[in-house]
C-alpha atoms as a PDB file:
ATOM      1  CA  MET A   1     -10.769 -65.377  -9.064  1.00  0.00           C
ATOM      2  CA  THR A   2     -10.402 -63.584  -6.003  1.00  0.00           C
ATOM      3  CA  ARG A   3     -12.871 -60.994  -4.461  1.00  0.00           C
ATOM      4  CA  GLU A   4     -11.380 -57.929  -3.584  1.00  0.00           C
ATOM      5  CA  VAL A   5     -12.945 -55.868  -0.944  1.00  0.00           C
ATOM      6  CA  THR A   6     -12.674 -52.222  -0.238  1.00  0.00           C
ATOM      7  CA  LYS A   7     -12.855 -51.173   3.584  1.00  0.00           C
ATOM      8  CA  LYS A   8     -12.505 -48.025   4.743  1.00  0.00           C
ATOM      9  CA  ILE A   9     -12.782 -46.511   8.436  1.00  0.00           C
ATOM     10  CA  ILE A  10     -12.216 -42.773   9.768  1.00  0.00           C
ATOM     11  CA  TYR A  11     -10.288 -41.943  12.901  1.00  0.00           C
ATOM     12  CA  GLN A  12      -9.372 -38.696  14.700  1.00  0.00           C
ATOM     13  CA  ILE A  13      -5.951 -39.153  16.437  1.00  0.00           C
ATOM     14  CA  PRO A  14      -5.707 -36.404  19.071  1.00  0.00           C
ATOM     15  CA  GLU A  15      -2.098 -37.042  19.827  1.00  0.00           C
ATOM     16  CA  GLY A  16      -0.640 -37.557  16.189  1.00  0.00           C
ATOM     17  CA  LEU A  17       0.453 -40.945  14.815  1.00  0.00           C
ATOM     18  CA  SER A  18       3.231 -42.203  17.334  1.00  0.00           C
ATOM     19  CA  VAL A  19       6.361 -44.009  15.924  1.00  0.00           C
ATOM     20  CA  GLU A  20       5.435 -47.284  17.511  1.00  0.00           C
ATOM     21  CA  ASN A  21       1.580 -47.265  15.818  1.00  0.00           C
ATOM     22  CA  SER A  22       3.385 -46.230  12.789  1.00  0.00           C
ATOM     23  CA  VAL A  23       5.828 -49.561  12.960  1.00  0.00           C
ATOM     24  CA  LEU A  24       2.509 -51.930  14.118  1.00  0.00           C
ATOM     25  CA  ILE A  25       0.436 -50.336  11.158  1.00  0.00           C
ATOM     26  CA  ALA A  26       3.317 -50.890   8.445  1.00  0.00           C
ATOM     27  CA  LYS A  27       3.497 -54.569  10.069  1.00  0.00           C
ATOM     28  CA  ILE A  28      -0.134 -55.243   9.565  1.00  0.00           C
ATOM     29  CA  ALA A  29      -0.184 -53.693   6.021  1.00  0.00           C
ATOM     30  CA  ASN A  30       3.095 -55.631   5.155  1.00  0.00           C
ATOM     31  CA  ARG A  31       1.566 -58.744   6.445  1.00  0.00           C
ATOM     32  CA  SER A  32      -1.897 -58.503   4.456  1.00  0.00           C
ATOM     33  CA  ASN A  33      -3.046 -59.225   0.992  1.00  0.00           C
ATOM     34  CA  SER A  34      -4.311 -55.866   0.307  1.00  0.00           C
ATOM     35  CA  ARG A  35      -3.018 -52.328  -0.728  1.00  0.00           C
ATOM     36  CA  VAL A  36      -3.433 -50.449   2.438  1.00  0.00           C
ATOM     37  CA  THR A  37      -3.435 -46.538   2.553  1.00  0.00           C
ATOM     38  CA  ILE A  38      -4.024 -43.745   5.167  1.00  0.00           C
ATOM     39  CA  GLU A  39      -5.498 -40.365   3.776  1.00  0.00           C
ATOM     40  CA  CYS A  40      -4.947 -37.303   5.700  1.00  0.00           C
ATOM     41  CA  LYS A  41      -5.117 -33.690   5.227  1.00  0.00           C
ATOM     42  CA  GLY A  42      -6.093 -34.536   0.964  1.00  0.00           C
ATOM     43  CA  ASN A  43      -3.052 -36.473   0.703  1.00  0.00           C
ATOM     44  CA  VAL A  44      -2.860 -40.546   0.598  1.00  0.00           C
ATOM     45  CA  TYR A  45       0.086 -42.154   2.203  1.00  0.00           C
ATOM     46  CA  THR A  46       0.770 -45.986   1.686  1.00  0.00           C
ATOM     47  CA  ALA A  47       0.566 -47.601   5.060  1.00  0.00           C
ATOM     48  CA  HIS A  48       3.150 -50.062   4.101  1.00  0.00           C
ATOM     49  CA  SER A  49       6.030 -47.765   4.848  1.00  0.00           C
ATOM     50  CA  ILE A  50       7.066 -46.684   8.259  1.00  0.00           C
ATOM     51  CA  LEU A  51       8.545 -43.527   6.769  1.00  0.00           C
ATOM     52  CA  LYS A  52       5.559 -42.626   4.742  1.00  0.00           C
ATOM     53  CA  LEU A  53       3.319 -42.780   7.711  1.00  0.00           C
ATOM     54  CA  LEU A  54       5.761 -40.835   9.818  1.00  0.00           C
ATOM     55  CA  SER A  55       6.345 -38.143   7.147  1.00  0.00           C
ATOM     56  CA  MET A  56       2.317 -37.820   7.245  1.00  0.00           C
ATOM     57  CA  ASP A  57       2.767 -35.639  10.266  1.00  0.00           C
ATOM     58  CA  ILE A  58      -0.555 -36.272  11.775  1.00  0.00           C
ATOM     59  CA  GLY A  59      -1.534 -33.566  14.493  1.00  0.00           C
ATOM     60  CA  GLY A  60      -3.899 -33.223  17.163  1.00  0.00           C
ATOM     61  CA  ASP A  61      -7.246 -34.066  16.080  1.00  0.00           C
ATOM     62  CA  ASP A  62      -6.627 -34.598  12.441  1.00  0.00           C
ATOM     63  CA  LEU A  63      -8.789 -36.931  10.647  1.00  0.00           C
ATOM     64  CA  VAL A  64      -7.342 -39.847   8.711  1.00  0.00           C
ATOM     65  CA  MET A  65      -9.342 -42.324   6.550  1.00  0.00           C
ATOM     66  CA  ILE A  66      -7.380 -45.750   6.510  1.00  0.00           C
ATOM     67  CA  SER A  67      -8.480 -47.975   3.373  1.00  0.00           C
ATOM     68  CA  ALA A  68      -7.552 -51.196   2.256  1.00  0.00           C
ATOM     69  CA  CYS A  69      -8.616 -52.653  -1.030  1.00  0.00           C
ATOM     70  CA  GLY A  70      -7.997 -56.685  -1.477  1.00  0.00           C
ATOM     71  CA  LYS A  71      -9.052 -60.301  -0.747  1.00  0.00           C
ATOM     72  CA  ASP A  72      -8.080 -60.007   3.090  1.00  0.00           C
ATOM     73  CA  ALA A  73      -9.239 -56.125   3.298  1.00  0.00           C
ATOM     74  CA  GLU A  74     -11.986 -56.408   6.034  1.00  0.00           C
ATOM     75  CA  GLU A  75      -9.273 -58.246   8.339  1.00  0.00           C
ATOM     76  CA  THR A  76      -6.705 -55.679   7.689  1.00  0.00           C
ATOM     77  CA  VAL A  77      -8.775 -52.660   8.462  1.00  0.00           C
ATOM     78  CA  SER A  78     -10.065 -54.699  11.430  1.00  0.00           C
ATOM     79  CA  ASN A  79      -6.510 -55.386  12.744  1.00  0.00           C
ATOM     80  CA  ILE A  80      -5.415 -51.731  12.403  1.00  0.00           C
ATOM     81  CA  CYS A  81      -8.822 -50.418  13.690  1.00  0.00           C
ATOM     82  CA  THR A  82      -8.005 -52.747  16.948  1.00  0.00           C
ATOM     83  CA  LEU A  83      -4.571 -51.480  17.175  1.00  0.00           C
ATOM     84  CA  LEU A  84      -5.787 -47.779  17.240  1.00  0.00           C
ATOM     85  CA  VAL A  85      -8.802 -48.106  19.300  1.00  0.00           C
ATOM     86  CA  GLU A  86      -6.398 -49.913  21.866  1.00  0.00           C
ATOM     87  CA  ASN A  87      -3.956 -46.761  21.677  1.00  0.00           C
ATOM     88  CA  VAL A  88      -6.048 -43.959  20.539  1.00  0.00           C
ATOM     89  CA  PRO A  89      -9.636 -44.112  21.822  1.00  0.00           C
ATOM     90  CA  ARG A  90     -11.406 -41.840  19.454  1.00  0.00           C
ATOM     91  CA  TYR A  91     -12.977 -43.904  16.374  1.00  0.00           C
ATOM     92  CA  ILE A  92     -15.202 -41.781  14.613  1.00  0.00           C
ATOM     93  CA  HIS A  93     -16.753 -43.474  11.773  1.00  0.00           C
ATOM     94  CA  SER A  94     -16.878 -46.938  10.027  1.00  0.00           C
ATOM     95  CA  ASP A  95     -18.591 -47.967   6.600  1.00  0.00           C
ATOM     96  CA  SER A  96     -19.429 -51.471   8.608  1.00  0.00           C
ATOM     97  CA  GLY A  97     -22.374 -50.082   9.645  1.00  0.00           C
ATOM     98  CA  GLN A  98     -21.661 -50.755  13.632  1.00  0.00           C
ATOM     99  CA  ALA A  99     -21.547 -48.010  16.248  1.00  0.00           C
ATOM    100  CA  SER A 100     -18.748 -45.667  16.685  1.00  0.00           C
ATOM    101  CA  LEU A 101     -17.189 -44.643  19.604  1.00  0.00           C
ATOM    102  CA  VAL A 102     -16.212 -41.137  20.347  1.00  0.00           C
END
């Protein structure tokens, strides 16, 4: 039996989600064995679709919650976090208990 993990992280994206980051997030999600979602403004979107990510219309200072559920959820969220930390330096909260960057 495969153990499924749920991992969540919250980000503030001051400039919104760029097309380039949307493409990279979708690639990470599609390579994983987890269901990956992004929640913003009370709506939940699949992170597996570039068009869905772009349709989120994330504006300045919007908070997003990135979640993954599956056998590689931790690795998937970590990879997306690495991408966002490198490109969007306003990391708010993680359920991992590690220190946050603001």
